[in-house]
Every structure is written in structure tokens, then in C-alpha cells.
Amino acid sequence: MPSAPAHQFARSTLLAVAALLFAPTAQALPPLQLYVELTAPGEVLTPPPGEYAGPVVIDKPITLDGRGEVTVDGGGDGTVLSIQADGATVRGMHITGSGESHNSVDAGVLIEADGTTVEDNRMDDVLFGVHIKGGNRNTIRGNTIRSKPTKASLRGDGVRLWYGRENVIADNTFIEIRDLMITNSTNNRIEGNTIRDSQVGIEFVYSPDNLVRDNTFSHNSTGIIVLYSDGVVIRDNRLEHIRSASGRALAIKESARVVMETNEIIHCTIGLAANDPTHPENVFHARGNRFAYNNIAIYFYGETGGHVLEGNRFENNLTNVAVSAPVAARFNTWRGNYWDDYQGFDRDGDGIGDVPHEIYAYADMMWMDWPWISFFRASPVLEMIDFVERLAPFSEPPLVLRDPKPRVR
């Protein structure tokens, strides 16, 4: 058995020989896998700067550090780099050229291990960015990920997390991807990311108790979708310029105990869309959020209500609250929200309106029953009809909601 210094000398000699034998040529790229094979567990592999061929499989706990000077190219076939060892790290790499198969989930990085770190990498021309398959306690941080240059519906997920828990996805930039897909995964943290020019920001499916915090969603078709995922917390995010015809900044369906607080929802087609609870526990709490410059700030569909909305701000929206039926929002709990169209006073100066804020379905709400009328919203004719109905209604208009203690500032 050679001594440690002798072993290290032999390894460094092999790496030097490999660098000479597999120097980049105009015909082919050297395989990065050879360098991985020659690296002992626990060691740091820093390949010479340049371009290398994939695929690469890391099956031992090493650190692959490209220092921003190493490219690994999958050549348009399969997944570029796979991590199969707990505790491995990949950083400072340029990862490009995955395959184009959705069925095989061709990705820039595939993780089938626990406790790995993928940080400060640049991935482009990859169908899926990072695919975590049954991995726990992994960290995906500081990466820039861009999918294949095709239309949004044909791209892959920036991160696909399947059956994983306690993973951290933080401080990444996702550009022109399809979405971040979280499926059957719990207790993960998604924070500090920027997701823009994509189809969906984040989609949770059967994934309870996840945290979404301090992210920015901009110019996507949809922001955050929560489906059958209880206990999701959405806090301190900014969702802006989500303007597709059916775009929702936030969409919640059949999910219990979802908490939305201190988010900013700005200039979206619909700020929040939610169905009525199917069970008394299936309510969500919206606290301290700001809805501004949206076509519709909140849209409720269903006929029972039961959600709790308190301390939110509604500013300069075309419609603050829209419903599929007049009672859909009436039986929610509204408390202490700020409404820019409140018509009461605050004579005692306590910051709370003297009379409740009430929204009725006058003529300006006709478009909710007949969508084609929305073309005429804010037109002089419809405004006149609405004015006459408010001045002398022929019948009692349906009450949409009542906030008994609205804030006035």
C-alpha cells in the first residue's frame, strides 16, 4: 500500500496525463468523467479551465469546483450531470446541452442523494434544470437556470422536486423555464429566488407544509399554484406583471390552512383566485398583503366562503373583489382591510372607519354574470347605468362582502 504522499503524487500525475491526453480539440471534447474517476472521496476536483463532454456521474462524496471556468456539455443527449452520492457538491460550473425528452426528464443536474449542494452554477440549453428525485436536505443555491429556447409549454421545470423533504432552493435566478414543480414533497424552503419570463412560477401538488418566502415573480403567465397542499406558507413575496388572459398571481384550490401574508401583488390580471372551502378546515388566511393595479384583486368561485382576510390593502384595482355568485365572498371573514374606494369617515381619528365597508353587485358588476360585458367596463354608457342603479335601485342589489372595521389609512 503506497503512503499518502505517494498516493497523492500518483493521482496528480494521472490527472496531468489525462489533461494532456484529453486536451480539447476541434473534433471532440475531453470527458469530464475521467477526472471524476481519478478523484478520491472527500477531495476537491478542480479541472483545468475549458470545455468537457458529459454525461458525468458523481457516485462518491467529492466536490466538483469549476471556479466559473469549466463547461460540461451533454451534447444534446440525456442528463448532463448526475449526483448519486450523499454529501457531494457541484459549484462554479457551466452546464449545458441536455437532451430534449420530457419522458426521461433530461436535465442539467439530476440528484438522487441526500445532503448534496449545487451552487453558483450556470445552466442553459437544458430541458429541466435541477431534478431532485427522492432526495432530502439538498441545497440548490445561487444558480442561474434557463431552459431550452422554445415556447413555454414545451420547456422543462427549472427545478423538479419529487418526493423530497427539507430541501432548500434559495437565491437562484430562473429565466424562461416552464415552472418550479413541487410534487409529493414536504417541509421544503423556497426563498430569495427570481422567476421571470416563464409559464408558472411555482406549482405545489400534494405537497404540504412548504415555505415560499421573499421570492420575486415577474412577467410569468401564472405566479404560485397550490393544489391539494395543506399548510403552505407564502410570505414576503413580490408577484408582478402577470398579465396573461387567465393569469393568476396566486391560485389556491382544495388546500387547507394556507397562509398568505405581507406579499405584494402588483399589476396582474387576477391577484388571488380561490375556491370555497370543502371542509371547515380548508380555509386560508390572507394577512397584510398589498393588492395594487390589478384587473381583479381577488376572485372567489363557489358559494360558501369561510376564508379569513384581515389587514390587507386594496389600491387602484379595477375591481377589488369579484365572485362567481354573490354569496361566495359574503361569508368570508373580512376585518381591518384598507379599501381605496371606502366612502365613510373616521370622525374619532382611530384609523378605523365609522361605518362598515360594503360592496354590492350594482351594474358595474354585470360582467361577472355576462363576461362579454367586460369589454364595456368604464364606458360612459355602463357608468351611467351604474350611477342610476346606485341612485335609485329598482331592487335590493346583492351584497358581495362587508368589512365591519375597515382601515382608512
Protein backbone atom coordinates (compact mmCIF):
# COMPACT_ATOMS: atom_id res chain seq x y z
CA MET A 1 0.00 0.00 0.00
CA PRO A 2 1.64 3.31 -1.03
CA SER A 3 1.98 6.07 1.55
CA ALA A 4 -0.36 9.07 1.46
CA PRO A 5 2.20 11.40 -0.20
CA ALA A 6 2.97 8.73 -2.80
CA HIS A 7 -0.73 8.17 -3.46
CA GLN A 8 -1.31 11.88 -3.89
CA PHE A 9 1.68 12.14 -6.24
CA ALA A 10 0.37 9.24 -8.34
CA ARG A 11 -3.09 10.81 -8.52
CA SER A 12 -1.73 14.23 -9.55
CA THR A 13 0.42 12.55 -12.19
CA LEU A 14 -2.62 10.72 -13.60
CA LEU A 15 -4.58 13.96 -13.74
CA ALA A 16 -1.72 15.69 -15.55
CA VAL A 17 -1.50 12.84 -18.06
CA ALA A 18 -5.28 12.97 -18.54
CA ALA A 19 -5.09 16.70 -19.18
CA LEU A 20 -2.55 16.09 -21.92
CA LEU A 21 -4.29 13.09 -23.47
CA PHE A 22 -7.74 14.64 -23.47
CA ALA A 23 -6.90 18.25 -24.27
CA PRO A 24 -9.76 19.94 -26.19
CA THR A 25 -9.54 19.55 -29.93
CA ALA A 26 -11.62 20.78 -32.79
CA GLN A 27 -13.04 17.23 -33.19
CA ALA A 28 -14.12 16.27 -29.67
CA LEU A 29 -14.30 17.41 -26.07
CA PRO A 30 -12.43 15.53 -23.33
CA PRO A 31 -14.67 13.51 -20.99
CA LEU A 32 -15.02 15.04 -17.53
CA GLN A 33 -15.95 11.62 -16.15
CA LEU A 34 -12.30 10.53 -16.23
CA TYR A 35 -11.35 13.33 -13.83
CA VAL A 36 -14.18 12.30 -11.51
CA GLU A 37 -12.99 8.68 -11.53
CA LEU A 38 -9.48 9.77 -10.52
CA THR A 39 -10.71 11.86 -7.58
CA ALA A 40 -10.81 10.17 -4.18
CA PRO A 41 -13.83 10.53 -1.84
CA GLY A 42 -13.67 13.71 0.22
CA GLU A 43 -11.35 15.51 -2.19
CA VAL A 44 -11.93 18.65 -4.28
CA LEU A 45 -11.77 18.28 -8.05
CA THR A 46 -10.83 21.47 -9.89
CA PRO A 47 -10.46 20.59 -13.58
CA PRO A 48 -8.29 22.77 -15.82
CA PRO A 49 -10.33 25.56 -17.41
CA GLY A 50 -12.07 24.58 -20.63
CA GLU A 51 -14.90 22.58 -22.13
CA TYR A 52 -15.60 18.95 -21.34
CA ALA A 53 -18.02 16.32 -22.54
CA GLY A 54 -20.79 14.81 -20.49
CA PRO A 55 -22.51 12.85 -19.22
CA VAL A 56 -20.97 12.91 -15.76
CA VAL A 57 -21.92 10.66 -12.82
CA ILE A 58 -20.72 11.58 -9.34
CA ASP A 59 -21.07 8.46 -7.18
CA LYS A 60 -18.82 9.44 -4.28
CA PRO A 61 -18.77 12.41 -1.89
CA ILE A 62 -16.46 14.79 -3.73
CA THR A 63 -16.57 18.50 -4.53
CA LEU A 64 -16.52 19.44 -8.21
CA ASP A 65 -15.49 23.08 -8.42
CA GLY A 66 -15.27 24.69 -11.85
CA ARG A 67 -14.47 28.17 -10.45
CA GLY A 68 -16.57 29.62 -13.24
CA GLU A 69 -14.09 28.43 -15.88
CA VAL A 70 -15.31 24.92 -16.71
CA THR A 71 -18.11 23.92 -19.10
CA VAL A 72 -19.61 20.43 -19.30
CA ASP A 73 -21.68 19.82 -22.42
CA GLY A 74 -24.14 16.95 -22.64
CA GLY A 75 -24.14 17.06 -26.42
CA GLY A 76 -27.93 17.17 -26.60
CA ASP A 77 -28.40 13.68 -25.17
CA GLY A 78 -29.86 12.73 -21.77
CA THR A 79 -28.97 14.34 -18.44
CA VAL A 80 -25.67 16.20 -18.29
CA LEU A 81 -24.60 15.58 -14.67
CA SER A 82 -25.97 13.08 -12.13
CA ILE A 83 -25.27 13.09 -8.41
CA GLN A 84 -25.70 9.71 -6.73
CA ALA A 85 -23.61 10.19 -3.59
CA ASP A 86 -24.72 11.78 -0.33
CA GLY A 87 -22.79 14.91 0.58
CA ALA A 88 -21.42 15.67 -2.88
CA THR A 89 -21.04 19.29 -4.06
CA VAL A 90 -21.09 20.84 -7.55
CA ARG A 91 -20.24 24.52 -7.84
CA GLY A 92 -18.94 27.07 -10.29
CA MET A 93 -19.80 25.03 -13.39
CA HIS A 94 -21.38 25.91 -16.73
CA ILE A 95 -23.74 23.04 -17.51
CA THR A 96 -25.32 22.93 -20.97
CA GLY A 97 -26.69 20.72 -23.73
CA SER A 98 -29.12 18.24 -22.15
CA GLY A 99 -31.44 16.07 -24.21
CA GLU A 100 -34.98 17.07 -25.14
CA SER A 101 -37.03 14.20 -23.73
CA HIS A 102 -39.78 15.01 -21.22
CA ASN A 103 -40.42 11.31 -20.65
CA SER A 104 -36.87 10.67 -19.41
CA VAL A 105 -36.69 14.11 -17.68
CA ASP A 106 -33.47 15.18 -19.38
CA ALA A 107 -31.89 17.71 -17.03
CA GLY A 108 -28.82 19.75 -16.34
CA VAL A 109 -28.40 18.10 -12.92
CA LEU A 110 -30.11 15.01 -11.52
CA ILE A 111 -29.92 14.46 -7.76
CA GLU A 112 -30.67 11.01 -6.33
CA ALA A 113 -28.98 11.53 -2.99
CA ASP A 114 -29.26 13.39 0.31
CA GLY A 115 -27.35 16.36 1.68
CA THR A 116 -25.84 17.50 -1.61
CA THR A 117 -25.09 21.08 -2.66
CA VAL A 118 -25.50 22.57 -6.13
CA GLU A 119 -24.46 26.21 -6.02
CA ASP A 120 -23.25 29.10 -8.15
CA ASN A 121 -23.63 27.21 -11.41
CA ARG A 122 -24.91 28.45 -14.76
CA MET A 123 -27.23 26.15 -16.69
CA ASP A 124 -28.58 26.88 -20.13
CA ASP A 125 -29.92 24.90 -23.09
CA VAL A 126 -31.09 22.25 -20.59
CA LEU A 127 -34.69 20.98 -20.74
CA PHE A 128 -35.05 20.62 -16.98
CA GLY A 129 -32.70 22.49 -14.69
CA VAL A 130 -32.31 20.50 -11.47
CA HIS A 131 -34.27 17.28 -10.95
CA ILE A 132 -34.35 16.14 -7.32
CA LYS A 133 -35.69 12.59 -7.34
CA GLY A 134 -36.41 11.33 -3.86
CA GLY A 135 -33.66 13.48 -2.34
CA ASN A 136 -33.72 15.11 1.10
CA ARG A 137 -31.84 18.01 2.72
CA ASN A 138 -30.25 19.13 -0.54
CA THR A 139 -29.33 22.76 -1.20
CA ILE A 140 -29.82 24.44 -4.58
CA ARG A 141 -28.40 27.95 -4.18
CA GLY A 142 -27.18 30.85 -6.30
CA ASN A 143 -27.63 29.18 -9.70
CA THR A 144 -28.83 30.76 -12.94
CA ILE A 145 -31.03 28.36 -14.90
CA ARG A 146 -32.54 28.75 -18.36
CA SER A 147 -34.43 26.02 -20.26
CA LYS A 148 -34.38 25.18 -23.96
CA PRO A 149 -35.11 28.09 -26.33
CA THR A 150 -38.67 27.06 -27.22
CA LYS A 151 -42.19 28.12 -26.28
CA ALA A 152 -43.07 27.97 -22.60
CA SER A 153 -45.31 24.90 -22.71
CA LEU A 154 -42.50 22.80 -24.23
CA ARG A 155 -39.83 23.79 -21.73
CA GLY A 156 -38.95 21.81 -18.63
CA ASP A 157 -39.07 22.73 -14.96
CA GLY A 158 -36.36 24.92 -13.53
CA VAL A 159 -36.45 22.63 -10.50
CA ARG A 160 -38.46 19.43 -10.34
CA LEU A 161 -38.73 18.16 -6.77
CA TRP A 162 -40.34 14.74 -6.44
CA TYR A 163 -40.78 13.01 -3.08
CA GLY A 164 -38.24 15.19 -1.28
CA ARG A 165 -38.23 16.88 2.11
CA GLU A 166 -36.21 19.56 3.89
CA ASN A 167 -34.59 20.77 0.69
CA VAL A 168 -33.57 24.43 0.26
CA ILE A 169 -34.00 26.24 -3.06
CA ALA A 170 -32.59 29.71 -2.47
CA ASP A 171 -31.21 32.78 -4.25
CA ASN A 172 -31.46 31.30 -7.74
CA THR A 173 -32.47 33.07 -10.95
CA PHE A 174 -34.82 31.18 -13.26
CA ILE A 175 -35.35 32.63 -16.74
CA GLU A 176 -37.58 31.25 -19.49
CA ILE A 177 -38.39 27.95 -17.82
CA ARG A 178 -41.76 26.26 -17.55
CA ASP A 179 -42.13 26.31 -13.74
CA LEU A 180 -40.82 25.03 -10.43
CA MET A 181 -42.74 21.79 -9.81
CA ILE A 182 -43.02 20.52 -6.24
CA THR A 183 -44.80 17.14 -6.08
CA ASN A 184 -45.42 14.92 -3.03
CA SER A 185 -42.77 16.86 -1.12
CA THR A 186 -42.95 18.43 2.33
CA ASN A 187 -41.07 20.83 4.62
CA ASN A 188 -39.00 22.45 1.88
CA ARG A 189 -37.91 26.12 1.74
CA ILE A 190 -38.08 28.17 -1.45
CA GLU A 191 -36.74 31.64 -0.74
CA GLY A 192 -34.94 34.55 -2.32
CA ASN A 193 -35.37 33.34 -5.90
CA THR A 194 -36.26 35.32 -9.03
CA ILE A 195 -38.53 33.62 -11.56
CA ARG A 196 -39.31 35.58 -14.69
CA ASP A 197 -40.49 35.22 -18.29
CA SER A 198 -41.79 31.72 -17.58
CA GLN A 199 -45.10 29.90 -17.65
CA VAL A 200 -45.74 29.21 -13.95
CA GLY A 201 -43.64 30.39 -11.04
CA ILE A 202 -44.15 27.56 -8.54
CA GLU A 203 -46.69 24.76 -8.55
CA PHE A 204 -47.37 22.63 -5.45
CA VAL A 205 -49.22 19.34 -5.92
CA TYR A 206 -49.90 17.16 -2.86
CA SER A 207 -47.05 18.96 -1.10
CA PRO A 208 -47.94 20.18 2.41
CA ASP A 209 -46.07 22.40 4.86
CA ASN A 210 -43.71 24.15 2.46
CA LEU A 211 -42.43 27.73 2.85
CA VAL A 212 -42.30 30.24 -0.03
CA ARG A 213 -40.61 33.42 1.14
CA ASP A 214 -39.03 36.57 -0.31
CA ASN A 215 -39.19 35.50 -3.96
CA THR A 216 -39.87 37.71 -6.98
CA PHE A 217 -42.20 36.52 -9.75
CA SER A 218 -42.25 38.77 -12.80
CA HIS A 219 -43.74 38.56 -16.31
CA ASN A 220 -44.89 34.96 -15.94
CA SER A 221 -48.22 33.56 -17.09
CA THR A 222 -49.08 32.47 -13.52
CA GLY A 223 -47.38 33.04 -10.19
CA ILE A 224 -47.98 30.40 -7.49
CA ILE A 225 -50.42 27.48 -7.71
CA VAL A 226 -51.32 25.46 -4.61
CA LEU A 227 -53.24 22.24 -5.34
CA TYR A 228 -54.18 19.75 -2.61
CA SER A 229 -51.31 21.04 -0.47
CA ASP A 230 -52.12 21.90 3.15
CA GLY A 231 -50.17 24.24 5.40
CA VAL A 232 -48.24 26.08 2.68
CA VAL A 233 -46.93 29.46 3.89
CA ILE A 234 -46.50 32.21 1.26
CA ARG A 235 -44.77 35.23 2.82
CA ASP A 236 -42.97 38.42 1.74
CA ASN A 237 -43.04 37.66 -1.98
CA ARG A 238 -43.50 40.10 -4.85
CA LEU A 239 -45.70 38.99 -7.75
CA GLU A 240 -45.85 41.49 -10.60
CA HIS A 241 -46.80 41.89 -14.27
CA ILE A 242 -48.62 38.56 -14.56
CA ARG A 243 -50.81 39.65 -17.43
CA SER A 244 -51.92 36.64 -19.47
CA ALA A 245 -55.67 36.41 -20.09
CA SER A 246 -56.10 33.72 -17.46
CA GLY A 247 -53.13 34.72 -15.34
CA ARG A 248 -53.38 34.42 -11.57
CA ALA A 249 -50.67 35.71 -9.29
CA LEU A 250 -51.88 33.21 -6.67
CA ALA A 251 -54.26 30.31 -7.18
CA ILE A 252 -55.41 28.11 -4.29
CA LYS A 253 -57.59 25.03 -4.71
CA GLU A 254 -58.63 22.32 -2.23
CA SER A 255 -55.84 23.20 0.19
CA ALA A 256 -56.23 23.66 3.94
CA ARG A 257 -54.58 26.17 6.26
CA VAL A 258 -52.68 28.04 3.57
CA VAL A 259 -51.24 31.30 4.93
CA MET A 260 -50.56 34.33 2.72
CA GLU A 261 -49.02 37.30 4.45
CA THR A 262 -47.18 40.51 3.60
CA ASN A 263 -46.94 39.78 -0.11
CA GLU A 264 -47.15 42.42 -2.84
CA ILE A 265 -49.36 41.57 -5.82
CA ILE A 266 -48.91 44.28 -8.42
CA HIS A 267 -50.30 44.74 -11.97
CA CYS A 268 -51.73 41.27 -12.53
CA THR A 269 -54.83 40.09 -14.35
CA ILE A 270 -56.11 38.42 -11.16
CA GLY A 271 -54.24 38.78 -7.88
CA LEU A 272 -55.70 35.82 -5.98
CA ALA A 273 -58.14 33.15 -7.13
CA ALA A 274 -59.55 30.69 -4.60
CA ASN A 275 -62.39 28.23 -4.38
CA ASP A 276 -64.69 27.99 -1.38
CA PRO A 277 -63.69 25.53 1.35
CA THR A 278 -64.95 21.99 1.01
CA HIS A 279 -64.38 21.47 4.74
CA PRO A 280 -64.30 23.92 7.68
CA GLU A 281 -60.53 23.39 7.93
CA ASN A 282 -59.95 24.13 4.25
CA VAL A 283 -59.73 27.89 4.77
CA PHE A 284 -56.80 30.16 4.05
CA HIS A 285 -55.64 33.24 5.91
CA ALA A 286 -54.61 36.36 3.96
CA ARG A 287 -52.96 38.97 6.18
CA GLY A 288 -51.12 42.17 5.43
CA ASN A 289 -50.94 41.71 1.67
CA ARG A 290 -50.99 44.58 -0.83
CA PHE A 291 -53.12 44.26 -3.97
CA ALA A 292 -52.49 47.17 -6.34
CA TYR A 293 -53.13 47.97 -10.02
CA ASN A 294 -54.67 44.57 -10.78
CA ASN A 295 -57.64 43.99 -13.05
CA ILE A 296 -59.20 41.93 -10.26
CA ALA A 297 -57.54 41.84 -6.87
CA ILE A 298 -59.34 38.73 -5.56
CA TYR A 299 -61.70 36.32 -7.30
CA PHE A 300 -63.74 33.75 -5.37
CA TYR A 301 -65.61 30.90 -7.02
CA GLY A 302 -68.04 28.73 -5.09
CA GLU A 303 -70.92 29.59 -2.81
CA THR A 304 -69.96 29.06 0.83
CA GLY A 305 -66.93 31.16 1.76
CA GLY A 306 -65.18 30.85 5.12
CA HIS A 307 -61.71 32.28 4.48
CA VAL A 308 -60.14 34.93 6.71
CA LEU A 309 -58.83 38.18 5.17
CA GLU A 310 -57.52 40.85 7.51
CA GLY A 311 -55.19 43.82 7.33
CA ASN A 312 -54.81 43.73 3.54
CA ARG A 313 -54.55 46.80 1.28
CA PHE A 314 -56.58 47.25 -1.89
CA GLU A 315 -55.28 50.12 -4.01
CA ASN A 316 -56.10 51.21 -7.56
CA ASN A 317 -57.50 47.89 -8.74
CA LEU A 318 -60.16 47.92 -11.45
CA THR A 319 -62.19 45.53 -9.27
CA ASN A 320 -61.24 44.74 -5.70
CA VAL A 321 -63.32 41.60 -5.23
CA ALA A 322 -65.12 39.53 -7.88
CA VAL A 323 -67.25 36.45 -7.26
CA SER A 324 -68.87 33.63 -9.20
CA ALA A 325 -72.00 34.06 -7.04
CA PRO A 326 -72.90 36.94 -4.68
CA VAL A 327 -72.57 34.78 -1.55
CA ALA A 328 -69.12 33.42 -2.49
CA ALA A 329 -67.29 36.20 -0.63
CA ARG A 330 -70.02 37.32 1.79
CA PHE A 331 -69.39 34.53 4.28
CA ASN A 332 -65.64 35.06 4.43
CA THR A 333 -64.30 36.93 7.44
CA TRP A 334 -63.24 40.46 6.40
CA ARG A 335 -61.57 42.54 9.07
CA GLY A 336 -59.39 45.65 9.18
CA ASN A 337 -58.62 45.87 5.46
CA TYR A 338 -57.81 49.13 3.69
CA TRP A 339 -60.09 49.91 0.72
CA ASP A 340 -59.23 52.86 -1.50
CA ASP A 341 -62.91 53.21 -2.50
CA TYR A 342 -64.24 53.37 1.07
CA GLN A 343 -66.85 56.12 1.28
CA GLY A 344 -67.15 56.54 5.04
CA PHE A 345 -65.43 58.77 7.60
CA ASP A 346 -63.22 58.44 10.66
CA ARG A 347 -64.59 61.10 12.97
CA ASP A 348 -62.85 59.84 16.12
CA GLY A 349 -59.47 59.56 14.38
CA ASP A 350 -58.73 55.99 15.45
CA GLY A 351 -57.88 54.88 11.90
CA ILE A 352 -61.00 52.70 11.63
CA GLY A 353 -63.98 53.72 9.51
CA ASP A 354 -67.14 54.72 11.36
CA VAL A 355 -69.32 52.52 9.15
CA PRO A 356 -68.62 49.15 7.54
CA HIS A 357 -67.26 48.94 4.03
CA GLU A 358 -69.75 47.15 1.82
CA ILE A 359 -69.55 46.02 -1.78
CA TYR A 360 -72.80 45.44 -3.66
CA ALA A 361 -73.31 43.92 -7.10
CA TYR A 362 -74.50 47.01 -8.96
CA ALA A 363 -74.44 47.38 -12.72
CA ASP A 364 -70.64 47.68 -12.73
CA MET A 365 -70.59 44.01 -11.64
CA MET A 366 -72.72 42.78 -14.56
CA TRP A 367 -69.64 41.42 -16.32
CA MET A 368 -69.32 38.72 -13.63
CA ASP A 369 -72.56 37.15 -14.89
CA TRP A 370 -72.04 38.04 -18.56
CA PRO A 371 -68.28 38.10 -19.25
CA TRP A 372 -68.72 39.70 -22.68
CA ILE A 373 -69.86 42.90 -20.94
CA SER A 374 -66.33 43.36 -19.57
CA PHE A 375 -65.45 44.86 -22.96
CA PHE A 376 -67.63 47.85 -21.98
CA ARG A 377 -66.24 48.34 -18.47
CA ALA A 378 -65.63 52.00 -17.65
CA SER A 379 -67.51 53.06 -20.77
CA PRO A 380 -69.80 56.12 -20.42
CA VAL A 381 -72.96 54.07 -21.07
CA LEU A 382 -72.23 51.44 -18.41
CA GLU A 383 -71.11 54.11 -15.95
CA MET A 384 -74.40 55.93 -16.45
CA ILE A 385 -76.42 52.75 -15.90
CA ASP A 386 -74.43 52.04 -12.77
CA PHE A 387 -74.96 55.59 -11.47
CA VAL A 388 -78.72 55.36 -11.97
CA GLU A 389 -78.88 51.96 -10.27
CA ARG A 390 -76.97 53.25 -7.25
CA LEU A 391 -79.10 56.40 -7.10
CA ALA A 392 -82.50 54.66 -7.32
CA PRO A 393 -82.22 50.87 -7.45
CA PHE A 394 -85.30 49.02 -8.64
CA SER A 395 -84.44 46.10 -6.34
CA GLU A 396 -82.05 45.34 -3.49
CA PRO A 397 -78.62 44.65 -5.03
CA PRO A 398 -76.84 41.52 -3.77
CA LEU A 399 -74.27 42.12 -1.02
CA VAL A 400 -70.84 40.81 -2.03
CA LEU A 401 -68.97 41.47 1.21
CA ARG A 402 -68.93 43.55 4.39
CA ASP A 403 -65.80 44.62 6.26
CA PRO A 404 -67.12 45.86 9.63
CA LYS A 405 -63.95 47.73 10.62
CA PRO A 406 -62.15 48.98 7.53
CA ARG A 407 -58.90 50.87 7.92
CA VAL A 408 -58.91 54.37 6.50
CA ARG A 409 -55.16 54.87 6.37
